[in-house]
C-alpha atoms as a PDB file:
ATOM      1  CA  MET A   1     -21.200  46.582  -3.965  1.00  0.00           C
ATOM      2  CA  ASP A   2     -18.368  49.118  -3.539  1.00  0.00           C
ATOM      3  CA  SER A   3     -17.796  48.881  -0.064  1.00  0.00           C
ATOM      4  CA  SER A   4     -16.980  44.782  -0.734  1.00  0.00           C
ATOM      5  CA  ILE A   5     -14.626  45.331  -3.935  1.00  0.00           C
ATOM      6  CA  LYS A   6     -11.602  45.915  -2.101  1.00  0.00           C
ATOM      7  CA  THR A   7     -11.748  42.667  -0.041  1.00  0.00           C
ATOM      8  CA  SER A   8     -12.946  40.705  -2.931  1.00  0.00           C
ATOM      9  CA  VAL A   9      -9.229  39.058  -2.869  1.00  0.00           C
ATOM     10  CA  ASP A  10      -7.527  37.475  -0.119  1.00  0.00           C
ATOM     11  CA  GLY A  11      -4.746  39.284   1.592  1.00  0.00           C
ATOM     12  CA  ASP A  12      -2.246  36.767   0.834  1.00  0.00           C
ATOM     13  CA  ASP A  13      -2.375  37.448  -2.564  1.00  0.00           C
ATOM     14  CA  LEU A  14       0.066  39.303  -5.112  1.00  0.00           C
ATOM     15  CA  ILE A  15      -2.686  41.176  -6.621  1.00  0.00           C
ATOM     16  CA  ALA A  16      -4.482  42.285  -3.235  1.00  0.00           C
ATOM     17  CA  ILE A  17      -2.223  45.687  -2.710  1.00  0.00           C
ATOM     18  CA  PRO A  18      -2.201  46.737  -6.536  1.00  0.00           C
ATOM     19  CA  LEU A  19      -6.415  46.134  -6.335  1.00  0.00           C
ATOM     20  CA  LYS A  20      -6.412  48.307  -3.117  1.00  0.00           C
ATOM     21  CA  ILE A  21      -4.448  50.947  -4.353  1.00  0.00           C
ATOM     22  CA  LEU A  22      -6.373  51.371  -7.656  1.00  0.00           C
ATOM     23  CA  TRP A  23      -9.721  51.314  -5.457  1.00  0.00           C
ATOM     24  CA  TYR A  24      -8.029  54.587  -3.436  1.00  0.00           C
ATOM     25  CA  ALA A  25      -7.236  56.242  -6.756  1.00  0.00           C
ATOM     26  CA  ARG A  26     -10.969  55.072  -8.112  1.00  0.00           C
ATOM     27  CA  LEU A  27      -9.336  52.950 -10.933  1.00  0.00           C
ATOM     28  CA  HIS A  28     -10.108  49.650  -9.702  1.00  0.00           C
ATOM     29  CA  PRO A  29     -11.803  47.594 -12.786  1.00  0.00           C
ATOM     30  CA  LEU A  30     -14.738  46.710 -10.491  1.00  0.00           C
ATOM     31  CA  LEU A  31     -16.091  50.672 -10.013  1.00  0.00           C
ATOM     32  CA  ASN A  32     -18.436  51.958 -12.444  1.00  0.00           C
ATOM     33  CA  SER A  33     -20.430  53.988 -10.205  1.00  0.00           C
ATOM     34  CA  TRP A  34     -21.025  58.057 -11.175  1.00  0.00           C
ATOM     35  CA  ARG A  35     -18.628  59.080  -8.321  1.00  0.00           C
ATOM     36  CA  SER A  36     -15.637  57.016 -10.184  1.00  0.00           C
ATOM     37  CA  THR A  37     -16.732  59.441 -13.541  1.00  0.00           C
ATOM     38  CA  LEU A  38     -16.773  62.103 -12.202  1.00  0.00           C
ATOM     39  CA  HIS A  39     -13.902  61.526 -10.375  1.00  0.00           C
ATOM     40  CA  ASN A  40     -11.832  60.394 -13.033  1.00  0.00           C
ATOM     41  CA  THR A  41     -13.203  63.074 -15.180  1.00  0.00           C
ATOM     42  CA  THR A  42     -12.207  65.825 -13.084  1.00  0.00           C
ATOM     43  CA  ASN A  43      -8.485  64.397 -13.348  1.00  0.00           C
ATOM     44  CA  LEU A  44      -8.324  63.901 -16.688  1.00  0.00           C
ATOM     45  CA  ILE A  45      -9.670  67.575 -17.344  1.00  0.00           C
ATOM     46  CA  LEU A  46      -6.510  68.778 -14.461  1.00  0.00           C
ATOM     47  CA  PHE A  47      -3.878  66.690 -16.207  1.00  0.00           C
ATOM     48  CA  SER A  48      -4.847  67.727 -19.954  1.00  0.00           C
ATOM     49  CA  LEU A  49      -4.757  71.571 -18.276  1.00  0.00           C
ATOM     50  CA  PHE A  50      -1.428  71.236 -16.984  1.00  0.00           C
ATOM     51  CA  LEU A  51      -0.475  69.586 -19.997  1.00  0.00           C
ATOM     52  CA  ALA A  52      -1.688  72.445 -22.050  1.00  0.00           C
ATOM     53  CA  LEU A  53       0.214  75.017 -19.709  1.00  0.00           C
ATOM     54  CA  ALA A  54       3.387  73.189 -20.201  1.00  0.00           C
ATOM     55  CA  ILE A  55       3.213  73.459 -24.108  1.00  0.00           C
ATOM     56  CA  ILE A  56       2.116  76.482 -23.999  1.00  0.00           C
ATOM     57  CA  GLY A  57       5.158  77.660 -21.957  1.00  0.00           C
ATOM     58  CA  ILE A  58       7.475  75.556 -24.288  1.00  0.00           C
ATOM     59  CA  ILE A  59       6.051  77.635 -27.178  1.00  0.00           C
ATOM     60  CA  ASN A  60       6.457  80.819 -25.449  1.00  0.00           C
ATOM     61  CA  SER A  61      10.762  80.202 -24.021  1.00  0.00           C
ATOM     62  CA  TYR A  62      11.980  77.544 -26.409  1.00  0.00           C
ATOM     63  CA  LYS A  63      14.120  80.680 -28.181  1.00  0.00           C
ATOM     64  CA  GLU A  64      15.044  82.545 -25.132  1.00  0.00           C
ATOM     65  CA  ASN A  65      15.093  80.022 -22.402  1.00  0.00           C
ATOM     66  CA  ILE A  66      16.067  76.728 -22.626  1.00  0.00           C
ATOM     67  CA  TYR A  67      16.091  75.361 -19.302  1.00  0.00           C
ATOM     68  CA  PHE A  68      12.893  76.463 -18.729  1.00  0.00           C
ATOM     69  CA  THR A  69      11.610  74.533 -21.726  1.00  0.00           C
ATOM     70  CA  ALA A  70      13.079  71.421 -20.731  1.00  0.00           C
ATOM     71  CA  GLU A  71      11.547  71.584 -17.640  1.00  0.00           C
ATOM     72  CA  CYS A  72       7.638  72.413 -19.067  1.00  0.00           C
ATOM     73  CA  LEU A  73       8.701  69.581 -21.410  1.00  0.00           C
ATOM     74  CA  GLU A  74       9.535  67.358 -18.247  1.00  0.00           C
ATOM     75  CA  THR A  75       6.287  68.455 -16.622  1.00  0.00           C
ATOM     76  CA  SER A  76       4.251  67.614 -20.037  1.00  0.00           C
ATOM     77  CA  LEU A  77       5.849  63.753 -20.242  1.00  0.00           C
ATOM     78  CA  LEU A  78       4.801  63.281 -16.431  1.00  0.00           C
ATOM     79  CA  ALA A  79       1.318  64.710 -17.844  1.00  0.00           C
ATOM     80  CA  ILE A  80       1.129  62.478 -20.882  1.00  0.00           C
ATOM     81  CA  GLN A  81       2.044  59.432 -18.986  1.00  0.00           C
ATOM     82  CA  THR A  82      -0.541  59.719 -16.013  1.00  0.00           C
ATOM     83  CA  ILE A  83      -3.288  60.160 -18.758  1.00  0.00           C
ATOM     84  CA  GLY A  84      -1.888  57.630 -20.854  1.00  0.00           C
ATOM     85  CA  LYS A  85      -2.501  55.029 -18.150  1.00  0.00           C
ATOM     86  CA  ILE A  86      -5.624  56.496 -16.790  1.00  0.00           C
ATOM     87  CA  LEU A  87      -7.211  56.075 -20.414  1.00  0.00           C
ATOM     88  CA  THR A  88      -5.421  52.702 -20.269  1.00  0.00           C
ATOM     89  CA  LEU A  89      -7.390  51.646 -17.239  1.00  0.00           C
ATOM     90  CA  TYR A  90     -10.621  52.772 -18.667  1.00  0.00           C
ATOM     91  CA  VAL A  91     -10.642  51.594 -22.141  1.00  0.00           C
ATOM     92  CA  HIS A  92      -9.072  47.875 -21.035  1.00  0.00           C
ATOM     93  CA  LYS A  93     -11.352  47.746 -17.877  1.00  0.00           C
ATOM     94  CA  GLU A  94     -13.796  44.606 -18.843  1.00  0.00           C
ATOM     95  CA  ILE A  95     -10.548  43.043 -19.817  1.00  0.00           C
ATOM     96  CA  LEU A  96      -8.556  43.971 -16.768  1.00  0.00           C
ATOM     97  CA  LEU A  97     -11.999  42.621 -14.640  1.00  0.00           C
ATOM     98  CA  GLN A  98     -11.650  39.109 -16.487  1.00  0.00           C
ATOM     99  CA  LEU A  99      -7.726  38.784 -15.759  1.00  0.00           C
ATOM    100  CA  VAL A 100      -8.860  39.622 -11.911  1.00  0.00           C
ATOM    101  CA  ILE A 101     -11.689  37.112 -11.831  1.00  0.00           C
ATOM    102  CA  GLN A 102      -9.955  34.541 -13.548  1.00  0.00           C
ATOM    103  CA  ARG A 103      -7.405  33.866 -11.489  1.00  0.00           C
ATOM    104  CA  SER A 104      -9.911  32.352  -9.504  1.00  0.00           C
ATOM    105  CA  THR A 105      -9.041  29.304 -11.638  1.00  0.00           C
ATOM    106  CA  PHE A 106      -5.609  29.165 -11.257  1.00  0.00           C
ATOM    107  CA  TRP A 107      -3.934  26.201  -9.434  1.00  0.00           C
ATOM    108  CA  LYS A 108      -3.513  26.493  -5.903  1.00  0.00           C
ATOM    109  CA  PRO A 109       0.545  25.410  -4.834  1.00  0.00           C
ATOM    110  CA  ILE A 110      -1.194  23.588  -1.609  1.00  0.00           C
ATOM    111  CA  ALA A 111      -2.432  20.955  -3.994  1.00  0.00           C
ATOM    112  CA  PHE A 112       1.131  20.011  -5.122  1.00  0.00           C
ATOM    113  CA  ALA A 113       3.880  17.936  -3.275  1.00  0.00           C
ATOM    114  CA  LYS A 114       5.524  20.041  -0.334  1.00  0.00           C
ATOM    115  CA  GLN A 115       8.685  20.916  -2.311  1.00  0.00           C
ATOM    116  CA  VAL A 116       6.808  22.596  -4.988  1.00  0.00           C
ATOM    117  CA  GLN A 117       4.548  24.578  -2.243  1.00  0.00           C
ATOM    118  CA  GLN A 118       8.303  25.656  -0.877  1.00  0.00           C
ATOM    119  CA  GLU A 119       9.588  26.305  -4.201  1.00  0.00           C
ATOM    120  CA  CYS A 120       6.071  28.742  -4.728  1.00  0.00           C
ATOM    121  CA  SER A 121       6.451  30.484  -1.620  1.00  0.00           C
ATOM    122  CA  VAL A 122      10.279  31.396  -1.860  1.00  0.00           C
ATOM    123  CA  ILE A 123       9.030  33.173  -5.221  1.00  0.00           C
ATOM    124  CA  ARG A 124       5.918  35.020  -3.812  1.00  0.00           C
ATOM    125  CA  LYS A 125       8.636  36.363  -1.050  1.00  0.00           C
ATOM    126  CA  ARG A 126      10.870  37.451  -3.506  1.00  0.00           C
ATOM    127  CA  VAL A 127       7.583  39.109  -5.479  1.00  0.00           C
ATOM    128  CA  LYS A 128       6.430  40.751  -2.390  1.00  0.00           C
ATOM    129  CA  LYS A 129       9.730  41.857  -1.336  1.00  0.00           C
ATOM    130  CA  ILE A 130      10.434  43.729  -4.562  1.00  0.00           C
ATOM    131  CA  LEU A 131       6.713  45.501  -4.757  1.00  0.00           C
ATOM    132  CA  ARG A 132       7.637  46.721  -1.179  1.00  0.00           C
ATOM    133  CA  CYS A 133      10.683  48.175  -2.588  1.00  0.00           C
ATOM    134  CA  TYR A 134       8.753  49.562  -5.777  1.00  0.00           C
ATOM    135  CA  TYR A 135       6.125  51.289  -3.434  1.00  0.00           C
ATOM    136  CA  ILE A 136       8.859  52.761  -1.309  1.00  0.00           C
ATOM    137  CA  LEU A 137      10.498  54.636  -4.234  1.00  0.00           C
ATOM    138  CA  GLY A 138       7.029  55.083  -5.597  1.00  0.00           C
ATOM    139  CA  PHE A 139       6.122  57.426  -2.636  1.00  0.00           C
ATOM    140  CA  VAL A 140       9.813  58.758  -1.975  1.00  0.00           C
ATOM    141  CA  SER A 141       9.854  60.250  -5.975  1.00  0.00           C
ATOM    142  CA  PRO A 142       6.993  62.531  -5.242  1.00  0.00           C
ATOM    143  CA  ILE A 143       8.271  63.544  -2.248  1.00  0.00           C
ATOM    144  CA  THR A 144      10.895  65.534  -3.981  1.00  0.00           C
ATOM    145  CA  TYR A 145       8.327  67.207  -5.986  1.00  0.00           C
ATOM    146  CA  ASP A 146       5.941  67.855  -2.896  1.00  0.00           C
ATOM    147  CA  LEU A 147       8.685  69.576  -1.177  1.00  0.00           C
ATOM    148  CA  GLN A 148       9.746  71.826  -3.329  1.00  0.00           C
ATOM    149  CA  PRO A 149       7.412  74.655  -2.633  1.00  0.00           C
ATOM    150  CA  ILE A 150       8.324  74.541   1.094  1.00  0.00           C
ATOM    151  CA  LEU A 151      12.651  74.229   0.459  1.00  0.00           C
ATOM    152  CA  ALA A 152      12.758  76.080  -2.477  1.00  0.00           C
ATOM    153  CA  GLY A 153       9.262  78.282  -2.749  1.00  0.00           C
ATOM    154  CA  THR A 154       9.008  77.666  -5.884  1.00  0.00           C
ATOM    155  CA  LEU A 155       6.132  74.796  -7.947  1.00  0.00           C
ATOM    156  CA  PRO A 156       6.178  71.619  -8.202  1.00  0.00           C
ATOM    157  CA  LEU A 157       5.987  71.448 -11.920  1.00  0.00           C
ATOM    158  CA  THR A 158       7.240  73.828 -14.187  1.00  0.00           C
ATOM    159  CA  PHE A 159       4.694  75.493 -16.645  1.00  0.00           C
ATOM    160  CA  TYR A 160       3.555  78.881 -18.071  1.00  0.00           C
ATOM    161  CA  ARG A 161       1.995  80.234 -14.732  1.00  0.00           C
ATOM    162  CA  PRO A 162      -1.494  81.488 -15.207  1.00  0.00           C
ATOM    163  CA  PRO A 163      -2.851  84.732 -13.016  1.00  0.00           C
ATOM    164  CA  VAL A 164      -3.460  82.378  -9.935  1.00  0.00           C
ATOM    165  CA  SER A 165      -2.455  82.221  -6.530  1.00  0.00           C
ATOM    166  CA  PHE A 166       0.898  80.183  -5.869  1.00  0.00           C
ATOM    167  CA  LYS A 167      -1.159  78.192  -3.210  1.00  0.00           C
ATOM    168  CA  TYR A 168      -4.378  77.480  -5.106  1.00  0.00           C
ATOM    169  CA  LEU A 169      -1.275  76.245  -7.683  1.00  0.00           C
ATOM    170  CA  VAL A 170       0.461  74.311  -4.664  1.00  0.00           C
ATOM    171  CA  VAL A 171      -2.667  72.235  -3.497  1.00  0.00           C
ATOM    172  CA  MET A 172      -3.733  71.443  -6.574  1.00  0.00           C
ATOM    173  CA  ILE A 173      -0.636  69.694  -7.793  1.00  0.00           C
ATOM    174  CA  TRP A 174      -0.105  68.231  -4.319  1.00  0.00           C
ATOM    175  CA  TYR A 175      -3.558  66.700  -4.860  1.00  0.00           C
ATOM    176  CA  LEU A 176      -3.032  65.386  -8.186  1.00  0.00           C
ATOM    177  CA  SER A 177       0.532  63.945  -7.133  1.00  0.00           C
ATOM    178  CA  PHE A 178      -1.199  61.687  -5.160  1.00  0.00           C
ATOM    179  CA  PHE A 179      -3.370  60.761  -7.857  1.00  0.00           C
ATOM    180  CA  THR A 180      -0.121  60.560  -9.552  1.00  0.00           C
ATOM    181  CA  THR A 181       1.335  58.436  -7.443  1.00  0.00           C
ATOM    182  CA  ALA A 182      -1.465  55.718  -6.848  1.00  0.00           C
ATOM    183  CA  THR A 183      -1.921  55.483 -10.873  1.00  0.00           C
ATOM    184  CA  PHE A 184       1.703  54.871 -11.336  1.00  0.00           C
ATOM    185  CA  ILE A 185       2.025  52.076  -8.423  1.00  0.00           C
ATOM    186  CA  GLY A 186      -1.255  50.757  -9.161  1.00  0.00           C
ATOM    187  CA  THR A 187      -0.432  50.061 -12.795  1.00  0.00           C
ATOM    188  CA  ASP A 188       2.700  49.019 -12.789  1.00  0.00           C
ATOM    189  CA  SER A 189       2.655  46.608  -9.749  1.00  0.00           C
ATOM    190  CA  LEU A 190      -0.663  45.008 -10.477  1.00  0.00           C
ATOM    191  CA  PHE A 191       1.004  44.083 -13.871  1.00  0.00           C
ATOM    192  CA  TYR A 192       4.145  42.616 -12.397  1.00  0.00           C
ATOM    193  CA  SER A 193       1.646  40.457  -9.583  1.00  0.00           C
ATOM    194  CA  LEU A 194      -0.148  39.000 -12.751  1.00  0.00           C
ATOM    195  CA  VAL A 195       2.859  38.164 -14.307  1.00  0.00           C
ATOM    196  CA  ALA A 196       4.508  36.876 -11.145  1.00  0.00           C
ATOM    197  CA  SER A 197       1.288  34.768 -10.860  1.00  0.00           C
ATOM    198  CA  LEU A 198       1.023  33.518 -14.584  1.00  0.00           C
ATOM    199  CA  CYS A 199       5.028  32.525 -14.096  1.00  0.00           C
ATOM    200  CA  LEU A 200       3.886  30.699 -10.863  1.00  0.00           C
ATOM    201  CA  GLN A 201       1.365  28.679 -12.924  1.00  0.00           C
ATOM    202  CA  PHE A 202       3.820  27.503 -15.612  1.00  0.00           C
ATOM    203  CA  LYS A 203       5.894  26.341 -12.781  1.00  0.00           C
ATOM    204  CA  LEU A 204       2.765  24.305 -11.632  1.00  0.00           C
ATOM    205  CA  LEU A 205       1.898  23.120 -15.012  1.00  0.00           C
ATOM    206  CA  LYS A 206       5.443  22.111 -15.837  1.00  0.00           C
ATOM    207  CA  TYR A 207       5.324  19.902 -12.335  1.00  0.00           C
ATOM    208  CA  LYS A 208       1.972  18.621 -14.026  1.00  0.00           C
ATOM    209  CA  LEU A 209       3.696  17.242 -17.019  1.00  0.00           C
ATOM    210  CA  LYS A 210       6.565  15.705 -15.057  1.00  0.00           C
ATOM    211  CA  GLU A 211       4.072  14.119 -12.994  1.00  0.00           C
ATOM    212  CA  ASN A 212       1.910  12.861 -15.792  1.00  0.00           C
ATOM    213  CA  VAL A 213       5.193  11.241 -17.851  1.00  0.00           C
ATOM    214  CA  ALA A 214       6.157   9.620 -14.275  1.00  0.00           C
ATOM    215  CA  SER A 215       2.743   8.209 -13.763  1.00  0.00           C
ATOM    216  CA  SER A 216       2.341   6.218 -17.797  1.00  0.00           C
ATOM    217  CA  GLU A 217       1.735   3.247 -16.180  1.00  0.00           C
ATOM    218  CA  GLU A 218      -1.874   4.094 -15.146  1.00  0.00           C
ATOM    219  CA  SER A 219      -4.767   3.091 -16.829  1.00  0.00           C
ATOM    220  CA  ASP A 220      -5.942   4.781 -19.622  1.00  0.00           C
ATOM    221  CA  ASN A 221      -9.113   6.658 -18.240  1.00  0.00           C
ATOM    222  CA  LYS A 222      -7.026   8.036 -15.421  1.00  0.00           C
ATOM    223  CA  PHE A 223      -4.265   9.027 -17.970  1.00  0.00           C
ATOM    224  CA  TRP A 224      -5.886  10.709 -20.934  1.00  0.00           C
ATOM    225  CA  LYS A 225      -8.239  12.691 -17.827  1.00  0.00           C
ATOM    226  CA  LYS A 226      -4.777  13.953 -16.616  1.00  0.00           C
ATOM    227  CA  VAL A 227      -3.798  14.865 -20.123  1.00  0.00           C
ATOM    228  CA  LYS A 228      -7.100  16.687 -20.688  1.00  0.00           C
ATOM    229  CA  GLU A 229      -6.689  18.844 -17.152  1.00  0.00           C
ATOM    230  CA  VAL A 230      -2.980  19.799 -18.323  1.00  0.00           C
ATOM    231  CA  VAL A 231      -4.097  20.636 -21.888  1.00  0.00           C
ATOM    232  CA  ASP A 232      -7.189  22.753 -20.941  1.00  0.00           C
ATOM    233  CA  HIS A 233      -5.317  24.695 -18.280  1.00  0.00           C
ATOM    234  CA  HIS A 234      -2.121  25.593 -20.883  1.00  0.00           C
ATOM    235  CA  VAL A 235      -4.854  26.773 -23.195  1.00  0.00           C
ATOM    236  CA  PHE A 236      -6.562  29.020 -20.678  1.00  0.00           C
ATOM    237  CA  LEU A 237      -3.009  30.380 -19.274  1.00  0.00           C
ATOM    238  CA  LEU A 238      -1.589  31.255 -23.257  1.00  0.00           C
ATOM    239  CA  SER A 239      -5.305  32.782 -23.477  1.00  0.00           C
ATOM    240  CA  TYR A 240      -5.248  34.654 -20.044  1.00  0.00           C
ATOM    241  CA  CYS A 241      -1.146  35.999 -21.471  1.00  0.00           C
ATOM    242  CA  GLN A 242      -2.856  37.444 -24.768  1.00  0.00           C
ATOM    243  CA  LYS A 243      -5.554  39.524 -22.614  1.00  0.00           C
ATOM    244  CA  LEU A 244      -2.896  40.633 -20.932  1.00  0.00           C
ATOM    245  CA  ASN A 245      -1.083  41.484 -23.169  1.00  0.00           C
ATOM    246  CA  THR A 246      -4.279  43.182 -24.637  1.00  0.00           C
ATOM    247  CA  ALA A 247      -4.525  45.422 -21.569  1.00  0.00           C
ATOM    248  CA  PHE A 248      -0.766  46.509 -21.099  1.00  0.00           C
ATOM    249  CA  GLN A 249       0.362  46.735 -24.858  1.00  0.00           C
ATOM    250  CA  SER A 250       0.144  50.335 -25.061  1.00  0.00           C
ATOM    251  CA  VAL A 251       1.145  51.397 -21.390  1.00  0.00           C
ATOM    252  CA  PHE A 252       4.688  49.210 -23.007  1.00  0.00           C
ATOM    253  CA  LEU A 253       4.802  51.556 -25.967  1.00  0.00           C
ATOM    254  CA  MET A 254       4.189  54.794 -23.792  1.00  0.00           C
ATOM    255  CA  GLN A 255       6.829  53.494 -21.467  1.00  0.00           C
ATOM    256  CA  PHE A 256       9.261  53.175 -23.493  1.00  0.00           C
ATOM    257  CA  LEU A 257       9.110  56.295 -25.963  1.00  0.00           C
ATOM    258  CA  LEU A 258       8.764  58.408 -22.392  1.00  0.00           C
ATOM    259  CA  LEU A 259      11.895  56.278 -20.904  1.00  0.00           C
ATOM    260  CA  VAL A 260      14.092  57.670 -23.976  1.00  0.00           C
ATOM    261  CA  ALA A 261      12.431  61.631 -23.677  1.00  0.00           C
ATOM    262  CA  ASN A 262      12.693  61.587 -19.730  1.00  0.00           C
ATOM    263  CA  GLY A 263      16.189  59.917 -19.826  1.00  0.00           C
ATOM    264  CA  ALA A 264      17.171  62.990 -22.225  1.00  0.00           C
ATOM    265  CA  VAL A 265      15.281  66.104 -20.294  1.00  0.00           C
ATOM    266  CA  ALA A 266      16.278  64.997 -16.881  1.00  0.00           C
ATOM    267  CA  MET A 267      20.372  64.514 -17.818  1.00  0.00           C
ATOM    268  CA  PHE A 268      20.028  67.614 -19.336  1.00  0.00           C
ATOM    269  CA  ILE A 269      18.384  69.593 -16.227  1.00  0.00           C
ATOM    270  CA  PHE A 270      20.749  67.824 -13.614  1.00  0.00           C
ATOM    271  CA  MET A 271      23.779  68.581 -15.595  1.00  0.00           C
ATOM    272  CA  GLU A 272      22.789  72.783 -16.012  1.00  0.00           C
ATOM    273  CA  PRO A 273      23.368  74.840 -13.069  1.00  0.00           C
ATOM    274  CA  GLY A 274      20.346  75.414 -11.119  1.00  0.00           C
ATOM    275  CA  ILE A 275      18.196  74.895  -8.058  1.00  0.00           C
ATOM    276  CA  LEU A 276      19.854  71.634  -6.200  1.00  0.00           C
ATOM    277  CA  SER A 277      15.979  70.584  -5.322  1.00  0.00           C
ATOM    278  CA  ASN A 278      14.763  70.951  -8.393  1.00  0.00           C
ATOM    279  CA  ARG A 279      17.738  68.586 -10.149  1.00  0.00           C
ATOM    280  CA  ILE A 280      17.408  66.381  -7.379  1.00  0.00           C
ATOM    281  CA  LYS A 281      13.400  66.118  -8.184  1.00  0.00           C
ATOM    282  CA  CYS A 282      14.333  65.262 -11.490  1.00  0.00           C
ATOM    283  CA  PHE A 283      16.880  62.531 -11.092  1.00  0.00           C
ATOM    284  CA  ALA A 284      14.343  61.063  -9.131  1.00  0.00           C
ATOM    285  CA  HIS A 285      11.982  61.337 -11.629  1.00  0.00           C
ATOM    286  CA  PHE A 286      14.006  59.596 -13.867  1.00  0.00           C
ATOM    287  CA  VAL A 287      15.192  56.708 -11.753  1.00  0.00           C
ATOM    288  CA  ARG A 288      11.563  55.825 -10.986  1.00  0.00           C
ATOM    289  CA  THR A 289      10.732  56.312 -14.910  1.00  0.00           C
ATOM    290  CA  LEU A 290      13.481  53.325 -15.394  1.00  0.00           C
ATOM    291  CA  CYS A 291      12.533  51.482 -12.402  1.00  0.00           C
ATOM    292  CA  ASP A 292       8.702  51.584 -14.308  1.00  0.00           C
ATOM    293  CA  ALA A 293      10.319  50.507 -17.653  1.00  0.00           C
ATOM    294  CA  ALA A 294      12.779  47.595 -16.033  1.00  0.00           C
ATOM    295  CA  PHE A 295       9.429  46.460 -14.028  1.00  0.00           C
ATOM    296  CA  TYR A 296       7.757  46.007 -17.583  1.00  0.00           C
ATOM    297  CA  CYS A 297      10.720  44.233 -19.579  1.00  0.00           C
ATOM    298  CA  VAL A 298      12.060  42.279 -16.703  1.00  0.00           C
ATOM    299  CA  SER A 299       8.577  40.846 -15.907  1.00  0.00           C
ATOM    300  CA  VAL A 300       7.916  39.796 -19.492  1.00  0.00           C
ATOM    301  CA  GLU A 301      11.205  38.495 -19.662  1.00  0.00           C
ATOM    302  CA  PHE A 302      10.601  36.068 -17.150  1.00  0.00           C
ATOM    303  CA  LEU A 303       7.040  35.091 -18.539  1.00  0.00           C
ATOM    304  CA  THR A 304       8.425  34.216 -21.786  1.00  0.00           C
ATOM    305  CA  ASP A 305      11.255  31.724 -20.466  1.00  0.00           C
ATOM    306  CA  SER A 306       8.280  30.051 -18.595  1.00  0.00           C
ATOM    307  CA  VAL A 307       5.973  29.398 -21.761  1.00  0.00           C
ATOM    308  CA  CYS A 308       9.212  28.293 -23.532  1.00  0.00           C
ATOM    309  CA  SER A 309      10.211  26.225 -20.887  1.00  0.00           C
ATOM    310  CA  ILE A 310       6.293  24.693 -21.322  1.00  0.00           C
ATOM    311  CA  LYS A 311       7.084  24.447 -24.665  1.00  0.00           C
ATOM    312  CA  TYR A 312      10.127  22.545 -24.287  1.00  0.00           C
ATOM    313  CA  GLN A 313       8.653  20.132 -21.364  1.00  0.00           C
ATOM    314  CA  GLY A 314       5.536  19.425 -23.662  1.00  0.00           C
ATOM    315  CA  LYS A 315       7.645  18.145 -26.482  1.00  0.00           C
ATOM    316  CA  LEU A 316       9.115  15.496 -24.374  1.00  0.00           C
ATOM    317  CA  VAL A 317       5.530  14.820 -22.328  1.00  0.00           C
ATOM    318  CA  GLN A 318       4.329  14.619 -26.201  1.00  0.00           C
ATOM    319  CA  PHE A 319       6.399  11.695 -27.031  1.00  0.00           C
ATOM    320  CA  PHE A 320       5.621  10.030 -23.814  1.00  0.00           C
ATOM    321  CA  PHE A 321       1.565  10.780 -24.852  1.00  0.00           C
ATOM    322  CA  VAL A 322       2.163   9.283 -28.434  1.00  0.00           C
ATOM    323  CA  GLY A 323       3.451   5.962 -27.227  1.00  0.00           C
ATOM    324  CA  LYS A 324       1.039   5.688 -24.676  1.00  0.00           C
ATOM    325  CA  SER A 325      -1.665   6.314 -27.279  1.00  0.00           C
ATOM    326  CA  ASN A 326      -0.297   3.588 -29.288  1.00  0.00           C
END
């Protein structure tokens, strides 16, 4: 079963790449093997270990070295954010699976007029460009961490250092860096892709509503059949939005809280004198965190506008429907 999961989504689909990224991170909603469970459990233990070491570093240094305390705090925030996203994908695995599977019932633009197809194609291309830029930023940020042992001879993360060889810690952090990057990029891009797909569906639904009004002179059977199709799809999309909100509402709250905390810590570290590579690393991490939050806020705003436009359009169409039924 595992070998066919990666190809279960059309390669031209908006969620194809996010699902592949989650596949490589062993966080795909269809992965239920013991290997995935062991892999994710091991990663959670490692992140929890670094979180504990960062907290110990904060406790031991907050009275003597505030700069070291701030860096330990940044490490703890990064660990909390990663653990939170892993747990979100695990706890809401069934809902995420439903969201992926139910997209097969989405309307296809190819069934609509050529003008509508072109508009949908333009939107899809813009979404893909935004995702490509986000992928680039998502991979550049961890590189600023991973190069620090080579450029400055220091660990990429700051925490209370146990009596373990420097090389072992670097290799462990490099491994977790890949997993963190895949988790962040996969989760955020999956949400953005699902929201973009929903916006396209509401656009097609709006076109259908206009089409029904224009064809109000058809026979009653055909007319009400179209009305039922539109209403059923509208109800389905609203329930889809509710499931999407349930799956990602904890990520929303976490992104907002951690953005404020990361911003304060990153600006403090960047403004204080210190190793240049470390300051660049903190600034790049803050920029990525800001983009993460923007991904959620902006995409939800577009989705809200799409839903509100359908409600307004629906009131106009309801007027024609009432007249038709009378």
